[in-house]
Amino acid sequence: MIARSKNNRIDEATIRELEPTLVGYARRRVGSADVAADLVQDTWIAALRNIDSFAGRSSLRTWLVSILRRKIVDLYRRDRNNVSFTEEHHGDSWIPRLDGRIDDEAAVQEVGKALEHLPEKEREAITYIDVLDLEREEAASKMRVTRNHLRVLLHRGRLKLRATLESRDLAA
């Protein structure tokens, strides 16, 4: 159980316990270990500065992830206007590029269409993990599969999703 000290401080044990979760969450969203680590550091700084505003209505982990989400959104907003030609035309993104720009709404629609064509269990695995951001244990439980089977379903589903998007010339 993650604990806070009585005087609303985040202790070293809590940081050690939550750091891998936060870094993993950020890495899945930004694709870079270095950028993810920077975002998590910014998250810890913001959390430590604002720990008195943590009311405990959610878990500390949930509160930290919400701070991290805002940091990631801020990063994308800042970087939206700073995309280089090389990144725009040769990046690793799966996001559709229309008229030379990333179009979030079009990306969501295209990924949604591609998801519809996946086998049910693979679509369900991707939805629980990548869309709803459930923990793997919870997703496996909801799907009534083992964690290893969930991992296989995710791998297969992501490969098929990427292949579908690439065939539509939407993935780099």
N, C-alpha and C. Protein backbone atom coordinates (compact mmCIF):
# COMPACT_ATOMS: atom_id res chain seq x y z
N MET A 1 0.84 -1.19 0.00
CA MET A 1 0.00 0.00 0.00
C MET A 1 0.88 1.24 0.00
N ILE A 2 0.54 2.19 -0.82
CA ILE A 2 1.29 3.42 -0.93
C ILE A 2 0.86 4.35 0.19
N ALA A 3 1.83 4.86 0.90
CA ALA A 3 1.50 5.69 2.05
C ALA A 3 2.10 7.08 1.93
N ARG A 4 1.43 8.01 2.55
CA ARG A 4 1.97 9.35 2.70
C ARG A 4 2.21 9.56 4.17
N SER A 5 3.20 10.34 4.48
CA SER A 5 3.42 10.64 5.89
C SER A 5 2.30 11.54 6.41
N LYS A 6 2.21 11.65 7.70
CA LYS A 6 1.12 12.41 8.31
C LYS A 6 1.14 13.89 7.95
N ASN A 7 2.31 14.41 7.60
CA ASN A 7 2.39 15.83 7.27
C ASN A 7 2.34 16.08 5.77
N ASN A 8 1.62 15.22 5.03
CA ASN A 8 1.42 15.39 3.60
C ASN A 8 2.72 15.47 2.81
N ARG A 9 3.64 14.58 3.06
CA ARG A 9 4.88 14.52 2.30
C ARG A 9 4.96 13.20 1.57
N ILE A 10 5.55 13.23 0.42
CA ILE A 10 5.78 12.00 -0.33
C ILE A 10 7.15 11.51 0.11
N ASP A 11 7.21 10.29 0.61
CA ASP A 11 8.48 9.78 1.12
C ASP A 11 9.26 9.02 0.03
N GLU A 12 10.49 8.69 0.35
CA GLU A 12 11.39 8.05 -0.61
C GLU A 12 10.86 6.68 -1.05
N ALA A 13 10.27 5.93 -0.15
CA ALA A 13 9.73 4.61 -0.49
C ALA A 13 8.59 4.75 -1.50
N THR A 14 7.77 5.76 -1.33
CA THR A 14 6.67 5.99 -2.26
C THR A 14 7.21 6.33 -3.65
N ILE A 15 8.23 7.16 -3.69
CA ILE A 15 8.84 7.51 -4.98
C ILE A 15 9.40 6.27 -5.65
N ARG A 16 10.13 5.45 -4.89
CA ARG A 16 10.70 4.22 -5.47
C ARG A 16 9.60 3.29 -5.98
N GLU A 17 8.51 3.24 -5.26
CA GLU A 17 7.41 2.34 -5.63
C GLU A 17 6.67 2.83 -6.89
N LEU A 18 6.45 4.12 -7.00
CA LEU A 18 5.63 4.66 -8.09
C LEU A 18 6.42 5.07 -9.33
N GLU A 19 7.69 5.31 -9.19
CA GLU A 19 8.52 5.77 -10.32
C GLU A 19 8.40 4.86 -11.55
N PRO A 20 8.55 3.54 -11.41
CA PRO A 20 8.46 2.70 -12.61
C PRO A 20 7.09 2.77 -13.29
N THR A 21 6.04 2.86 -12.52
CA THR A 21 4.69 2.99 -13.09
C THR A 21 4.56 4.28 -13.88
N LEU A 22 5.03 5.38 -13.31
CA LEU A 22 4.92 6.67 -13.97
C LEU A 22 5.79 6.72 -15.23
N VAL A 23 7.01 6.22 -15.14
CA VAL A 23 7.90 6.22 -16.30
C VAL A 23 7.31 5.35 -17.41
N GLY A 24 6.79 4.19 -17.05
CA GLY A 24 6.17 3.31 -18.06
C GLY A 24 4.98 3.97 -18.73
N TYR A 25 4.15 4.62 -17.93
CA TYR A 25 2.99 5.33 -18.47
C TYR A 25 3.43 6.41 -19.45
N ALA A 26 4.40 7.21 -19.05
CA ALA A 26 4.88 8.30 -19.91
C ALA A 26 5.56 7.74 -21.16
N ARG A 27 6.33 6.71 -21.01
CA ARG A 27 7.06 6.13 -22.16
C ARG A 27 6.09 5.62 -23.21
N ARG A 28 5.00 4.98 -22.78
CA ARG A 28 4.00 4.49 -23.74
C ARG A 28 3.37 5.63 -24.51
N ARG A 29 3.33 6.81 -23.92
CA ARG A 29 2.66 7.91 -24.58
C ARG A 29 3.58 8.81 -25.39
N VAL A 30 4.84 8.87 -25.03
CA VAL A 30 5.75 9.76 -25.76
C VAL A 30 6.79 9.00 -26.57
N GLY A 31 6.99 7.72 -26.30
CA GLY A 31 7.88 6.90 -27.10
C GLY A 31 9.37 7.07 -26.84
N SER A 32 9.74 7.92 -25.94
CA SER A 32 11.15 8.17 -25.65
C SER A 32 11.40 8.02 -24.16
N ALA A 33 12.39 7.20 -23.82
CA ALA A 33 12.72 7.00 -22.41
C ALA A 33 13.21 8.29 -21.77
N ASP A 34 14.01 9.06 -22.49
CA ASP A 34 14.55 10.31 -21.94
C ASP A 34 13.45 11.34 -21.70
N VAL A 35 12.55 11.49 -22.67
CA VAL A 35 11.46 12.45 -22.51
C VAL A 35 10.53 11.99 -21.38
N ALA A 36 10.28 10.67 -21.32
CA ALA A 36 9.43 10.13 -20.25
C ALA A 36 10.04 10.43 -18.88
N ALA A 37 11.34 10.21 -18.74
CA ALA A 37 12.01 10.48 -17.46
C ALA A 37 11.91 11.95 -17.09
N ASP A 38 12.08 12.84 -18.06
CA ASP A 38 11.95 14.28 -17.80
C ASP A 38 10.53 14.63 -17.35
N LEU A 39 9.54 14.06 -18.02
CA LEU A 39 8.15 14.33 -17.64
C LEU A 39 7.83 13.84 -16.23
N VAL A 40 8.36 12.69 -15.89
CA VAL A 40 8.14 12.15 -14.55
C VAL A 40 8.82 13.04 -13.50
N GLN A 41 10.02 13.53 -13.80
CA GLN A 41 10.69 14.45 -12.87
C GLN A 41 9.85 15.71 -12.67
N ASP A 42 9.31 16.24 -13.78
CA ASP A 42 8.44 17.42 -13.68
C ASP A 42 7.19 17.10 -12.85
N THR A 43 6.69 15.88 -12.98
CA THR A 43 5.52 15.45 -12.22
C THR A 43 5.83 15.42 -10.73
N TRP A 44 6.99 14.84 -10.37
CA TRP A 44 7.37 14.80 -8.94
C TRP A 44 7.51 16.21 -8.38
N ILE A 45 8.12 17.09 -9.15
CA ILE A 45 8.29 18.47 -8.68
C ILE A 45 6.94 19.12 -8.43
N ALA A 46 6.02 18.97 -9.41
CA ALA A 46 4.68 19.55 -9.26
C ALA A 46 3.95 18.92 -8.07
N ALA A 47 4.09 17.61 -7.90
CA ALA A 47 3.41 16.93 -6.80
C ALA A 47 3.96 17.40 -5.45
N LEU A 48 5.27 17.51 -5.36
CA LEU A 48 5.86 17.95 -4.10
C LEU A 48 5.47 19.39 -3.77
N ARG A 49 5.37 20.22 -4.78
CA ARG A 49 4.97 21.62 -4.55
C ARG A 49 3.50 21.73 -4.14
N ASN A 50 2.68 20.78 -4.62
CA ASN A 50 1.24 20.89 -4.42
C ASN A 50 0.65 19.77 -3.56
N ILE A 51 1.47 19.10 -2.78
CA ILE A 51 0.98 17.97 -1.99
C ILE A 51 -0.12 18.39 -1.02
N ASP A 52 -0.11 19.62 -0.58
CA ASP A 52 -1.16 20.08 0.33
C ASP A 52 -2.52 20.13 -0.35
N SER A 53 -2.55 20.20 -1.66
CA SER A 53 -3.83 20.23 -2.37
C SER A 53 -4.36 18.82 -2.62
N PHE A 54 -3.56 17.79 -2.33
CA PHE A 54 -4.02 16.41 -2.49
C PHE A 54 -4.99 16.10 -1.36
N ALA A 55 -6.26 15.95 -1.73
CA ALA A 55 -7.31 15.77 -0.74
C ALA A 55 -7.53 14.31 -0.37
N GLY A 56 -6.94 13.39 -1.12
CA GLY A 56 -7.11 11.98 -0.80
C GLY A 56 -8.40 11.38 -1.32
N ARG A 57 -9.11 12.08 -2.22
CA ARG A 57 -10.34 11.52 -2.79
C ARG A 57 -10.02 10.41 -3.79
N SER A 58 -8.79 10.37 -4.25
CA SER A 58 -8.33 9.29 -5.12
C SER A 58 -7.02 8.77 -4.50
N SER A 59 -6.48 7.73 -5.11
CA SER A 59 -5.20 7.23 -4.61
C SER A 59 -4.10 8.22 -5.01
N LEU A 60 -3.00 8.15 -4.32
CA LEU A 60 -1.86 8.99 -4.66
C LEU A 60 -1.40 8.70 -6.08
N ARG A 61 -1.39 7.42 -6.46
CA ARG A 61 -0.99 7.03 -7.80
C ARG A 61 -1.88 7.70 -8.85
N THR A 62 -3.19 7.68 -8.63
CA THR A 62 -4.13 8.29 -9.57
C THR A 62 -3.88 9.80 -9.67
N TRP A 63 -3.63 10.44 -8.55
CA TRP A 63 -3.35 11.87 -8.53
C TRP A 63 -2.08 12.17 -9.32
N LEU A 64 -1.04 11.37 -9.10
CA LEU A 64 0.22 11.58 -9.82
C LEU A 64 0.07 11.35 -11.32
N VAL A 65 -0.69 10.32 -11.69
CA VAL A 65 -0.91 10.06 -13.13
C VAL A 65 -1.68 11.23 -13.75
N SER A 66 -2.60 11.81 -13.03
CA SER A 66 -3.34 12.96 -13.59
C SER A 66 -2.40 14.15 -13.80
N ILE A 67 -1.47 14.35 -12.90
CA ILE A 67 -0.47 15.41 -13.09
C ILE A 67 0.39 15.09 -14.31
N LEU A 68 0.84 13.84 -14.40
CA LEU A 68 1.67 13.41 -15.52
C LEU A 68 0.94 13.57 -16.85
N ARG A 69 -0.35 13.21 -16.88
CA ARG A 69 -1.14 13.39 -18.11
C ARG A 69 -1.12 14.84 -18.56
N ARG A 70 -1.29 15.75 -17.61
CA ARG A 70 -1.28 17.18 -17.98
C ARG A 70 0.09 17.58 -18.50
N LYS A 71 1.15 17.04 -17.93
CA LYS A 71 2.51 17.33 -18.40
C LYS A 71 2.68 16.84 -19.84
N ILE A 72 2.14 15.66 -20.14
CA ILE A 72 2.25 15.10 -21.49
C ILE A 72 1.46 15.95 -22.48
N VAL A 73 0.25 16.34 -22.10
CA VAL A 73 -0.57 17.20 -22.97
C VAL A 73 0.15 18.52 -23.23
N ASP A 74 0.72 19.10 -22.18
CA ASP A 74 1.47 20.35 -22.34
C ASP A 74 2.64 20.16 -23.30
N LEU A 75 3.33 19.04 -23.19
CA LEU A 75 4.45 18.75 -24.09
C LEU A 75 3.98 18.72 -25.54
N TYR A 76 2.89 18.02 -25.81
CA TYR A 76 2.39 17.94 -27.18
C TYR A 76 1.90 19.29 -27.68
N ARG A 77 1.29 20.07 -26.81
CA ARG A 77 0.85 21.41 -27.23
C ARG A 77 2.05 22.28 -27.58
N ARG A 78 3.10 22.22 -26.76
CA ARG A 78 4.31 23.00 -27.03
C ARG A 78 4.98 22.56 -28.32
N ASP A 79 5.05 21.24 -28.50
CA ASP A 79 5.77 20.69 -29.65
C ASP A 79 4.97 20.70 -30.94
N ARG A 80 3.68 20.90 -30.85
CA ARG A 80 2.84 20.85 -32.04
C ARG A 80 3.34 21.81 -33.13
N ASN A 81 3.81 22.96 -32.71
CA ASN A 81 4.29 23.95 -33.68
C ASN A 81 5.78 23.84 -33.96
N ASN A 82 6.45 22.87 -33.34
CA ASN A 82 7.89 22.74 -33.49
C ASN A 82 8.30 21.42 -34.14
N VAL A 83 7.48 20.88 -35.03
CA VAL A 83 7.79 19.62 -35.69
C VAL A 83 8.71 19.91 -36.88
N SER A 84 9.83 19.20 -36.90
CA SER A 84 10.76 19.39 -38.01
C SER A 84 10.30 18.60 -39.22
N PHE A 85 10.84 18.94 -40.38
CA PHE A 85 10.51 18.23 -41.61
C PHE A 85 10.84 16.75 -41.47
N THR A 86 11.98 16.43 -40.88
CA THR A 86 12.40 15.04 -40.73
C THR A 86 11.42 14.29 -39.86
N GLU A 87 11.03 14.86 -38.71
CA GLU A 87 10.07 14.19 -37.83
C GLU A 87 8.74 14.02 -38.53
N GLU A 88 8.32 15.05 -39.25
CA GLU A 88 7.01 15.04 -39.88
C GLU A 88 6.91 13.97 -40.95
N HIS A 89 7.97 13.75 -41.68
CA HIS A 89 7.91 12.84 -42.81
C HIS A 89 8.58 11.49 -42.58
N HIS A 90 9.34 11.36 -41.51
CA HIS A 90 10.06 10.11 -41.29
C HIS A 90 9.98 9.61 -39.86
N GLY A 91 9.08 10.15 -39.05
CA GLY A 91 9.00 9.75 -37.65
C GLY A 91 8.40 8.38 -37.47
N ASP A 92 8.36 7.91 -36.23
CA ASP A 92 7.83 6.59 -35.92
C ASP A 92 6.35 6.63 -35.58
N SER A 93 5.71 7.75 -35.73
CA SER A 93 4.34 7.90 -35.29
C SER A 93 3.38 7.05 -36.11
N TRP A 94 2.33 6.56 -35.46
CA TRP A 94 1.25 5.86 -36.14
C TRP A 94 0.14 6.84 -36.47
N ILE A 95 0.30 8.07 -36.10
CA ILE A 95 -0.76 9.05 -36.26
C ILE A 95 -0.84 9.49 -37.71
N PRO A 96 -2.02 9.47 -38.30
CA PRO A 96 -2.15 9.90 -39.69
C PRO A 96 -1.69 11.33 -39.87
N ARG A 97 -1.06 11.58 -40.98
CA ARG A 97 -0.59 12.92 -41.29
C ARG A 97 -1.36 13.41 -42.50
N LEU A 98 -2.12 14.46 -42.31
CA LEU A 98 -2.92 15.00 -43.39
C LEU A 98 -2.43 16.41 -43.70
N ASP A 99 -2.19 16.66 -44.96
CA ASP A 99 -1.68 17.97 -45.38
C ASP A 99 -0.43 18.35 -44.60
N GLY A 100 0.42 17.36 -44.28
CA GLY A 100 1.67 17.65 -43.60
C GLY A 100 1.54 17.93 -42.11
N ARG A 101 0.33 17.78 -41.54
CA ARG A 101 0.14 18.04 -40.12
C ARG A 101 -0.49 16.83 -39.46
N ILE A 102 -0.26 16.72 -38.17
CA ILE A 102 -0.93 15.67 -37.41
C ILE A 102 -2.35 16.15 -37.16
N ASP A 103 -3.32 15.34 -37.51
CA ASP A 103 -4.72 15.67 -37.30
C ASP A 103 -5.28 14.67 -36.29
N ASP A 104 -5.41 15.10 -35.04
CA ASP A 104 -5.82 14.20 -33.96
C ASP A 104 -7.17 13.54 -34.21
N GLU A 105 -8.14 14.30 -34.67
CA GLU A 105 -9.47 13.75 -34.88
C GLU A 105 -9.44 12.68 -35.97
N ALA A 106 -8.74 12.96 -37.06
CA ALA A 106 -8.62 11.98 -38.14
C ALA A 106 -7.88 10.74 -37.66
N ALA A 107 -6.87 10.93 -36.82
CA ALA A 107 -6.11 9.79 -36.29
C ALA A 107 -7.02 8.89 -35.47
N VAL A 108 -7.81 9.48 -34.60
CA VAL A 108 -8.72 8.70 -33.76
C VAL A 108 -9.71 7.93 -34.63
N GLN A 109 -10.23 8.58 -35.65
CA GLN A 109 -11.19 7.92 -36.53
C GLN A 109 -10.54 6.76 -37.28
N GLU A 110 -9.36 6.95 -37.80
CA GLU A 110 -8.68 5.90 -38.55
C GLU A 110 -8.30 4.73 -37.65
N VAL A 111 -7.81 5.01 -36.46
CA VAL A 111 -7.47 3.93 -35.53
C VAL A 111 -8.74 3.20 -35.13
N GLY A 112 -9.81 3.94 -34.89
CA GLY A 112 -11.09 3.31 -34.54
C GLY A 112 -11.57 2.38 -35.63
N LYS A 113 -11.47 2.80 -36.89
CA LYS A 113 -11.86 1.95 -38.01
C LYS A 113 -11.00 0.69 -38.07
N ALA A 114 -9.70 0.88 -37.87
CA ALA A 114 -8.78 -0.26 -37.91
C ALA A 114 -9.06 -1.22 -36.76
N LEU A 115 -9.37 -0.69 -35.59
CA LEU A 115 -9.69 -1.54 -34.43
C LEU A 115 -10.91 -2.42 -34.69
N GLU A 116 -11.90 -1.88 -35.43
CA GLU A 116 -13.12 -2.63 -35.70
C GLU A 116 -12.85 -3.93 -36.44
N HIS A 117 -11.75 -3.98 -37.19
CA HIS A 117 -11.45 -5.15 -38.01
C HIS A 117 -10.59 -6.18 -37.30
N LEU A 118 -10.19 -5.90 -36.07
CA LEU A 118 -9.39 -6.86 -35.31
C LEU A 118 -10.29 -7.94 -34.72
N PRO A 119 -9.74 -9.12 -34.49
CA PRO A 119 -10.51 -10.13 -33.75
C PRO A 119 -10.93 -9.57 -32.39
N GLU A 120 -12.06 -10.03 -31.89
CA GLU A 120 -12.66 -9.45 -30.68
C GLU A 120 -11.70 -9.38 -29.49
N LYS A 121 -11.01 -10.47 -29.19
CA LYS A 121 -10.13 -10.49 -28.01
C LYS A 121 -8.95 -9.53 -28.18
N GLU A 122 -8.40 -9.43 -29.38
CA GLU A 122 -7.29 -8.52 -29.62
C GLU A 122 -7.76 -7.07 -29.50
N ARG A 123 -8.93 -6.78 -30.06
CA ARG A 123 -9.51 -5.43 -29.96
C ARG A 123 -9.78 -5.08 -28.49
N GLU A 124 -10.31 -6.04 -27.76
CA GLU A 124 -10.60 -5.83 -26.35
C GLU A 124 -9.32 -5.56 -25.56
N ALA A 125 -8.27 -6.32 -25.83
CA ALA A 125 -7.00 -6.14 -25.13
C ALA A 125 -6.43 -4.75 -25.39
N ILE A 126 -6.42 -4.33 -26.65
CA ILE A 126 -5.90 -3.00 -27.00
C ILE A 126 -6.75 -1.91 -26.36
N THR A 127 -8.04 -2.09 -26.38
CA THR A 127 -8.94 -1.09 -25.79
C THR A 127 -8.68 -0.95 -24.29
N TYR A 128 -8.59 -2.06 -23.58
CA TYR A 128 -8.37 -1.99 -22.13
C TYR A 128 -7.00 -1.38 -21.79
N ILE A 129 -5.97 -1.80 -22.50
CA ILE A 129 -4.61 -1.37 -22.14
C ILE A 129 -4.25 -0.01 -22.75
N ASP A 130 -4.43 0.14 -24.05
CA ASP A 130 -3.95 1.35 -24.73
C ASP A 130 -4.94 2.50 -24.74
N VAL A 131 -6.24 2.18 -24.69
CA VAL A 131 -7.24 3.25 -24.73
C VAL A 131 -7.69 3.62 -23.31
N LEU A 132 -8.08 2.63 -22.53
CA LEU A 132 -8.59 2.89 -21.18
C LEU A 132 -7.49 2.93 -20.13
N ASP A 133 -6.28 2.52 -20.51
CA ASP A 133 -5.11 2.55 -19.63
C ASP A 133 -5.31 1.75 -18.34
N LEU A 134 -5.95 0.59 -18.46
CA LEU A 134 -6.09 -0.27 -17.29
C LEU A 134 -4.76 -0.95 -17.01
N GLU A 135 -4.55 -1.34 -15.78
CA GLU A 135 -3.39 -2.15 -15.44
C GLU A 135 -3.59 -3.51 -16.09
N ARG A 136 -2.49 -4.16 -16.44
CA ARG A 136 -2.59 -5.44 -17.14
C ARG A 136 -3.32 -6.50 -16.32
N GLU A 137 -3.09 -6.50 -15.03
CA GLU A 137 -3.76 -7.48 -14.17
C GLU A 137 -5.27 -7.29 -14.23
N GLU A 138 -5.72 -6.04 -14.17
CA GLU A 138 -7.16 -5.75 -14.21
C GLU A 138 -7.75 -6.11 -15.58
N ALA A 139 -7.04 -5.77 -16.64
CA ALA A 139 -7.52 -6.09 -17.99
C ALA A 139 -7.62 -7.60 -18.19
N ALA A 140 -6.61 -8.32 -17.75
CA ALA A 140 -6.62 -9.79 -17.88
C ALA A 140 -7.81 -10.37 -17.11
N SER A 141 -8.06 -9.84 -15.93
CA SER A 141 -9.17 -10.31 -15.12
C SER A 141 -10.50 -10.05 -15.82
N LYS A 142 -10.69 -8.85 -16.34
CA LYS A 142 -11.93 -8.50 -17.04
C LYS A 142 -12.14 -9.38 -18.27
N MET A 143 -11.02 -9.72 -18.94
CA MET A 143 -11.11 -10.53 -20.16
C MET A 143 -11.16 -12.03 -19.85
N ARG A 144 -10.90 -12.38 -18.59
CA ARG A 144 -10.84 -13.78 -18.16
C ARG A 144 -9.77 -14.55 -18.92
N VAL A 145 -8.58 -13.92 -19.00
CA VAL A 145 -7.41 -14.56 -19.61
C VAL A 145 -6.23 -14.37 -18.66
N THR A 146 -5.16 -15.12 -18.87
CA THR A 146 -3.96 -14.94 -18.07
C THR A 146 -3.22 -13.69 -18.56
N ARG A 147 -2.31 -13.18 -17.72
CA ARG A 147 -1.50 -12.03 -18.15
C ARG A 147 -0.68 -12.38 -19.37
N ASN A 148 -0.16 -13.61 -19.44
CA ASN A 148 0.62 -14.00 -20.61
C ASN A 148 -0.23 -14.02 -21.87
N HIS A 149 -1.45 -14.54 -21.76
CA HIS A 149 -2.34 -14.53 -22.92
C HIS A 149 -2.67 -13.10 -23.33
N LEU A 150 -2.89 -12.24 -22.34
CA LEU A 150 -3.16 -10.83 -22.63
C LEU A 150 -1.98 -10.23 -23.40
N ARG A 151 -0.77 -10.55 -22.97
CA ARG A 151 0.42 -10.03 -23.65
C ARG A 151 0.46 -10.48 -25.10
N VAL A 152 0.12 -11.74 -25.35
CA VAL A 152 0.09 -12.26 -26.72
C VAL A 152 -0.99 -11.56 -27.54
N LEU A 153 -2.17 -11.39 -26.94
CA LEU A 153 -3.26 -10.70 -27.64
C LEU A 153 -2.88 -9.27 -27.99
N LEU A 154 -2.24 -8.58 -27.06
CA LEU A 154 -1.79 -7.21 -27.32
C LEU A 154 -0.78 -7.18 -28.46
N HIS A 155 0.19 -8.07 -28.40
CA HIS A 155 1.23 -8.10 -29.43
C HIS A 155 0.61 -8.34 -30.81
N ARG A 156 -0.22 -9.36 -30.91
CA ARG A 156 -0.85 -9.68 -32.20
C ARG A 156 -1.74 -8.53 -32.67
N GLY A 157 -2.55 -8.00 -31.75
CA GLY A 157 -3.46 -6.92 -32.12
C GLY A 157 -2.72 -5.68 -32.58
N ARG A 158 -1.65 -5.32 -31.87
CA ARG A 158 -0.87 -4.13 -32.25
C ARG A 158 -0.21 -4.32 -33.61
N LEU A 159 0.31 -5.54 -33.86
CA LEU A 159 0.92 -5.81 -35.18
C LEU A 159 -0.11 -5.67 -36.29
N LYS A 160 -1.29 -6.23 -36.08
CA LYS A 160 -2.35 -6.15 -37.09
C LYS A 160 -2.82 -4.71 -37.26
N LEU A 161 -2.94 -3.99 -36.16
CA LEU A 161 -3.37 -2.60 -36.22
C LEU A 161 -2.36 -1.77 -37.02
N ARG A 162 -1.08 -1.96 -36.72
CA ARG A 162 -0.03 -1.23 -37.43
C ARG A 162 -0.05 -1.59 -38.92
N ALA A 163 -0.19 -2.89 -39.22
CA ALA A 163 -0.21 -3.32 -40.63
C ALA A 163 -1.40 -2.69 -41.36
N THR A 164 -2.54 -2.63 -40.70
CA THR A 164 -3.72 -2.01 -41.32
C THR A 164 -3.48 -0.54 -41.59
N LEU A 165 -2.92 0.16 -40.62
CA LEU A 165 -2.66 1.59 -40.79
C LEU A 165 -1.60 1.82 -41.86
N GLU A 166 -0.57 0.96 -41.89
CA GLU A 166 0.46 1.10 -42.92
C GLU A 166 -0.10 0.83 -44.31
N SER A 167 -1.01 -0.13 -44.41
CA SER A 167 -1.61 -0.42 -45.72
C SER A 167 -2.45 0.75 -46.23
N ARG A 168 -2.94 1.56 -45.31
CA ARG A 168 -3.69 2.76 -45.67
C ARG A 168 -2.77 3.97 -45.80
N ASP A 169 -1.45 3.70 -45.69
CA ASP A 169 -0.43 4.74 -45.76
C ASP A 169 -0.60 5.78 -44.66
N LEU A 170 -0.95 5.28 -43.46
CA LEU A 170 -1.18 6.17 -42.32
C LEU A 170 -0.16 6.02 -41.22
N ALA A 171 0.69 5.04 -41.30
CA ALA A 171 1.71 4.86 -40.28
C ALA A 171 3.08 5.02 -40.92
N ALA A 172 3.97 5.65 -40.18
CA ALA A 172 5.31 5.87 -40.72
C ALA A 172 6.13 4.60 -40.64
